[in-house]
């Protein structure tokens, strides 16, 4: 039983790491695209502002949504496991009161 609970723990930790990396990448790519465009002179300041509001906002929004999903999405991936209830009970028992 304990190995199965440890597998669930590992799966949740891996999924959280994947989501964290994905959100960070979205935020960095959006900021880099706007920054490179502005500093290289390919974008006028007005165009850069518009791109930052539209494209950068979309990437930032997606990154923020992924960061907000961090506590719940990994748990959704393990909900169908046979020992999910015991895993959840163990996690609740570990919480400080």
N, C-alpha and C. Protein backbone atom coordinates (compact mmCIF):
# COMPACT_ATOMS: atom_id res chain seq x y z
N UNK A 1 0.82 -1.18 0.00
CA UNK A 1 0.00 0.00 0.00
C UNK A 1 0.88 1.27 0.00
N UNK A 2 1.93 1.28 0.80
CA UNK A 2 2.80 2.45 0.88
C UNK A 2 3.48 2.76 -0.46
N UNK A 3 3.93 1.75 -1.22
CA UNK A 3 4.51 2.07 -2.53
C UNK A 3 3.52 2.75 -3.47
N UNK A 4 2.26 2.36 -3.40
CA UNK A 4 1.25 3.01 -4.25
C UNK A 4 1.04 4.47 -3.84
N UNK A 5 1.03 4.73 -2.54
CA UNK A 5 0.90 6.10 -2.06
C UNK A 5 2.10 6.93 -2.47
N UNK A 6 3.28 6.32 -2.44
CA UNK A 6 4.49 7.03 -2.87
C UNK A 6 4.46 7.32 -4.37
N UNK A 7 3.88 6.41 -5.15
CA UNK A 7 3.74 6.65 -6.60
C UNK A 7 2.82 7.84 -6.85
N UNK A 8 1.75 7.92 -6.08
CA UNK A 8 0.83 9.05 -6.23
C UNK A 8 1.54 10.35 -5.85
N UNK A 9 2.31 10.33 -4.76
CA UNK A 9 3.08 11.51 -4.37
C UNK A 9 4.02 11.94 -5.49
N UNK A 10 4.72 10.99 -6.07
CA UNK A 10 5.67 11.29 -7.14
C UNK A 10 4.95 11.85 -8.36
N UNK A 11 3.80 11.29 -8.69
CA UNK A 11 3.04 11.77 -9.84
C UNK A 11 2.59 13.21 -9.63
N UNK A 12 2.12 13.53 -8.43
CA UNK A 12 1.67 14.89 -8.14
C UNK A 12 2.85 15.87 -8.20
N UNK A 13 3.97 15.50 -7.62
CA UNK A 13 5.15 16.37 -7.63
C UNK A 13 5.63 16.60 -9.06
N UNK A 14 5.66 15.55 -9.88
CA UNK A 14 6.08 15.69 -11.27
C UNK A 14 5.14 16.60 -12.05
N UNK A 15 3.85 16.44 -11.82
CA UNK A 15 2.87 17.26 -12.53
C UNK A 15 2.97 18.72 -12.10
N UNK A 16 3.19 18.97 -10.82
CA UNK A 16 3.36 20.35 -10.36
C UNK A 16 4.60 20.98 -10.99
N UNK A 17 5.67 20.22 -11.07
CA UNK A 17 6.88 20.73 -11.70
C UNK A 17 6.67 21.05 -13.17
N UNK A 18 5.96 20.17 -13.86
CA UNK A 18 5.66 20.40 -15.28
C UNK A 18 4.83 21.66 -15.47
N UNK A 19 3.81 21.83 -14.63
CA UNK A 19 2.97 23.03 -14.73
C UNK A 19 3.76 24.30 -14.42
N UNK A 20 4.61 24.24 -13.42
CA UNK A 20 5.43 25.39 -13.03
C UNK A 20 6.36 25.79 -14.18
N UNK A 21 7.02 24.79 -14.79
CA UNK A 21 7.92 25.08 -15.92
C UNK A 21 7.16 25.66 -17.10
N UNK A 22 5.99 25.10 -17.38
CA UNK A 22 5.19 25.56 -18.51
C UNK A 22 4.72 27.00 -18.30
N UNK A 23 4.27 27.31 -17.10
CA UNK A 23 3.81 28.67 -16.80
C UNK A 23 4.96 29.66 -16.88
N UNK A 24 6.10 29.29 -16.34
CA UNK A 24 7.27 30.16 -16.38
C UNK A 24 7.70 30.41 -17.82
N UNK A 25 7.70 29.36 -18.63
CA UNK A 25 8.07 29.50 -20.04
C UNK A 25 7.13 30.44 -20.76
N UNK A 26 5.82 30.31 -20.53
CA UNK A 26 4.85 31.21 -21.18
C UNK A 26 5.11 32.66 -20.80
N UNK A 27 5.36 32.90 -19.52
CA UNK A 27 5.61 34.28 -19.07
C UNK A 27 6.90 34.83 -19.67
N UNK A 28 7.94 34.02 -19.69
CA UNK A 28 9.23 34.48 -20.23
C UNK A 28 9.18 34.71 -21.73
N UNK A 29 8.52 33.83 -22.46
CA UNK A 29 8.43 33.98 -23.92
C UNK A 29 7.67 35.24 -24.27
N UNK A 30 6.58 35.50 -23.58
CA UNK A 30 5.80 36.71 -23.85
C UNK A 30 6.61 37.97 -23.58
N UNK A 31 7.30 37.99 -22.44
CA UNK A 31 8.11 39.16 -22.10
C UNK A 31 9.29 39.31 -23.05
N UNK A 32 9.91 38.21 -23.42
CA UNK A 32 11.06 38.27 -24.33
C UNK A 32 10.66 38.74 -25.72
N UNK A 33 9.53 38.27 -26.21
CA UNK A 33 9.09 38.67 -27.55
C UNK A 33 8.85 40.17 -27.62
N UNK A 34 8.19 40.70 -26.62
CA UNK A 34 7.93 42.14 -26.61
C UNK A 34 9.23 42.91 -26.40
N UNK A 35 10.07 42.44 -25.49
CA UNK A 35 11.33 43.12 -25.21
C UNK A 35 12.26 43.16 -26.41
N UNK A 36 12.41 42.05 -27.09
CA UNK A 36 13.29 41.99 -28.26
C UNK A 36 12.75 42.89 -29.36
N UNK A 37 11.45 42.87 -29.56
CA UNK A 37 10.86 43.72 -30.58
C UNK A 37 11.08 45.19 -30.30
N UNK A 38 10.94 45.58 -29.06
CA UNK A 38 11.12 46.99 -28.72
C UNK A 38 12.58 47.42 -28.78
N UNK A 39 13.47 46.61 -28.23
CA UNK A 39 14.88 46.99 -28.17
C UNK A 39 15.57 46.88 -29.52
N UNK A 40 15.10 46.03 -30.40
CA UNK A 40 15.75 45.91 -31.70
C UNK A 40 15.25 46.97 -32.68
N UNK A 41 14.20 47.67 -32.31
CA UNK A 41 13.68 48.71 -33.18
C UNK A 41 12.69 48.19 -34.21
N UNK A 42 12.40 46.91 -34.17
CA UNK A 42 11.43 46.36 -35.11
C UNK A 42 10.02 46.84 -34.81
N UNK A 43 9.80 47.18 -33.56
CA UNK A 43 8.48 47.68 -33.17
C UNK A 43 8.60 49.13 -32.73
N UNK A 44 7.66 49.91 -33.16
CA UNK A 44 7.58 51.27 -32.65
C UNK A 44 7.05 51.18 -31.21
N UNK A 45 7.33 52.16 -30.39
CA UNK A 45 6.84 52.09 -29.01
C UNK A 45 5.33 51.89 -28.91
N UNK A 46 4.57 52.50 -29.84
CA UNK A 46 3.12 52.32 -29.81
C UNK A 46 2.75 50.88 -30.18
N UNK A 47 3.45 50.35 -31.19
CA UNK A 47 3.20 48.96 -31.59
C UNK A 47 3.61 47.99 -30.49
N UNK A 48 4.70 48.31 -29.82
CA UNK A 48 5.15 47.46 -28.71
C UNK A 48 4.16 47.46 -27.57
N UNK A 49 3.61 48.61 -27.30
CA UNK A 49 2.60 48.71 -26.24
C UNK A 49 1.36 47.89 -26.62
N UNK A 50 0.96 47.99 -27.89
CA UNK A 50 -0.21 47.24 -28.35
C UNK A 50 0.07 45.74 -28.31
N UNK A 51 1.25 45.34 -28.76
CA UNK A 51 1.61 43.92 -28.73
C UNK A 51 1.70 43.41 -27.30
N UNK A 52 2.24 44.22 -26.43
CA UNK A 52 2.33 43.81 -25.03
C UNK A 52 0.95 43.62 -24.42
N UNK A 53 0.04 44.51 -24.80
CA UNK A 53 -1.31 44.40 -24.26
C UNK A 53 -2.05 43.20 -24.84
N UNK A 54 -1.86 42.94 -26.11
CA UNK A 54 -2.59 41.84 -26.74
C UNK A 54 -1.88 40.50 -26.58
N UNK A 55 -0.73 40.37 -27.21
CA UNK A 55 -0.01 39.09 -27.20
C UNK A 55 0.62 38.78 -25.85
N UNK A 56 1.29 39.76 -25.27
CA UNK A 56 1.91 39.54 -23.97
C UNK A 56 0.87 39.27 -22.91
N UNK A 57 -0.25 39.96 -23.01
CA UNK A 57 -1.33 39.73 -22.05
C UNK A 57 -1.91 38.34 -22.17
N UNK A 58 -2.01 37.85 -23.41
CA UNK A 58 -2.54 36.49 -23.60
C UNK A 58 -1.59 35.45 -23.03
N UNK A 59 -0.29 35.59 -23.32
CA UNK A 59 0.68 34.64 -22.78
C UNK A 59 0.77 34.74 -21.26
N UNK A 60 0.75 35.95 -20.76
CA UNK A 60 0.81 36.13 -19.30
C UNK A 60 -0.44 35.55 -18.66
N UNK A 61 -1.58 35.76 -19.28
CA UNK A 61 -2.83 35.21 -18.76
C UNK A 61 -2.80 33.69 -18.72
N UNK A 62 -2.27 33.09 -19.77
CA UNK A 62 -2.17 31.63 -19.81
C UNK A 62 -1.20 31.14 -18.74
N UNK A 63 -0.09 31.85 -18.57
CA UNK A 63 0.87 31.46 -17.54
C UNK A 63 0.29 31.60 -16.15
N UNK A 64 -0.45 32.67 -15.92
CA UNK A 64 -1.07 32.87 -14.60
C UNK A 64 -2.14 31.82 -14.34
N UNK A 65 -2.93 31.48 -15.36
CA UNK A 65 -3.94 30.42 -15.19
C UNK A 65 -3.29 29.10 -14.83
N UNK A 66 -2.14 28.81 -15.46
CA UNK A 66 -1.44 27.56 -15.12
C UNK A 66 -0.91 27.59 -13.70
N UNK A 67 -0.41 28.74 -13.27
CA UNK A 67 0.06 28.83 -11.89
C UNK A 67 -1.08 28.69 -10.90
N UNK A 68 -2.25 29.23 -11.23
CA UNK A 68 -3.41 29.09 -10.35
C UNK A 68 -3.93 27.66 -10.32
N UNK A 69 -3.74 26.91 -11.41
CA UNK A 69 -4.19 25.52 -11.46
C UNK A 69 -3.23 24.59 -10.75
N UNK A 70 -2.10 25.10 -10.33
CA UNK A 70 -1.07 24.26 -9.70
C UNK A 70 -1.57 23.43 -8.53
N UNK A 71 -2.38 23.98 -7.61
CA UNK A 71 -2.82 23.15 -6.48
C UNK A 71 -3.84 22.08 -6.86
N UNK A 72 -4.66 22.31 -7.89
CA UNK A 72 -5.76 21.39 -8.17
C UNK A 72 -5.51 20.43 -9.33
N UNK A 73 -4.85 20.89 -10.37
CA UNK A 73 -4.71 20.05 -11.56
C UNK A 73 -3.94 18.76 -11.32
N UNK A 74 -2.81 18.80 -10.62
CA UNK A 74 -2.10 17.53 -10.38
C UNK A 74 -2.95 16.53 -9.60
N UNK A 75 -3.74 17.04 -8.68
CA UNK A 75 -4.60 16.14 -7.91
C UNK A 75 -5.67 15.52 -8.79
N UNK A 76 -6.15 16.24 -9.78
CA UNK A 76 -7.13 15.70 -10.70
C UNK A 76 -6.56 14.51 -11.48
N UNK A 77 -5.26 14.52 -11.72
CA UNK A 77 -4.63 13.43 -12.47
C UNK A 77 -4.60 12.12 -11.68
N UNK A 78 -4.63 12.20 -10.36
CA UNK A 78 -4.53 10.99 -9.54
C UNK A 78 -5.86 10.58 -8.93
N UNK A 79 -6.89 11.30 -9.22
CA UNK A 79 -8.19 11.03 -8.61
C UNK A 79 -8.73 9.63 -8.93
N UNK A 80 -8.36 9.06 -10.06
CA UNK A 80 -8.87 7.75 -10.45
C UNK A 80 -8.04 6.59 -9.90
N UNK A 81 -6.98 6.88 -9.19
CA UNK A 81 -6.14 5.83 -8.62
C UNK A 81 -6.88 5.10 -7.51
N UNK A 82 -6.56 3.82 -7.34
CA UNK A 82 -7.25 2.99 -6.35
C UNK A 82 -7.02 3.49 -4.93
N UNK A 83 -5.84 4.03 -4.64
CA UNK A 83 -5.51 4.45 -3.28
C UNK A 83 -5.64 5.96 -3.09
N UNK A 84 -6.39 6.61 -3.95
CA UNK A 84 -6.54 8.06 -3.86
C UNK A 84 -7.10 8.48 -2.50
N UNK A 85 -8.12 7.78 -2.03
CA UNK A 85 -8.73 8.14 -0.76
C UNK A 85 -7.71 8.09 0.38
N UNK A 86 -6.92 7.02 0.42
CA UNK A 86 -5.91 6.91 1.47
C UNK A 86 -4.82 7.98 1.32
N UNK A 87 -4.45 8.27 0.09
CA UNK A 87 -3.46 9.31 -0.16
C UNK A 87 -3.97 10.66 0.34
N UNK A 88 -5.24 10.95 0.05
CA UNK A 88 -5.85 12.21 0.47
C UNK A 88 -5.95 12.27 1.99
N UNK A 89 -6.33 11.16 2.62
CA UNK A 89 -6.43 11.11 4.08
C UNK A 89 -5.06 11.33 4.72
N UNK A 90 -4.03 10.73 4.13
CA UNK A 90 -2.68 10.91 4.66
C UNK A 90 -2.24 12.37 4.53
N UNK A 91 -2.58 12.98 3.40
CA UNK A 91 -2.23 14.40 3.21
C UNK A 91 -2.96 15.28 4.20
N UNK A 92 -4.21 14.99 4.47
CA UNK A 92 -4.98 15.77 5.45
C UNK A 92 -4.43 15.58 6.86
N UNK A 93 -3.99 14.38 7.18
CA UNK A 93 -3.46 14.10 8.50
C UNK A 93 -2.13 14.82 8.73
N UNK A 94 -1.41 15.10 7.67
CA UNK A 94 -0.12 15.79 7.78
C UNK A 94 -0.25 17.30 7.97
N UNK A 95 -1.42 17.85 7.70
CA UNK A 95 -1.61 19.29 7.81
C UNK A 95 -1.53 19.72 9.27
N UNK A 96 -0.84 20.82 9.55
CA UNK A 96 -0.78 21.31 10.94
C UNK A 96 -2.14 21.82 11.38
N UNK A 97 -2.47 21.57 12.57
CA UNK A 97 -3.77 22.00 13.12
C UNK A 97 -3.62 23.20 13.98
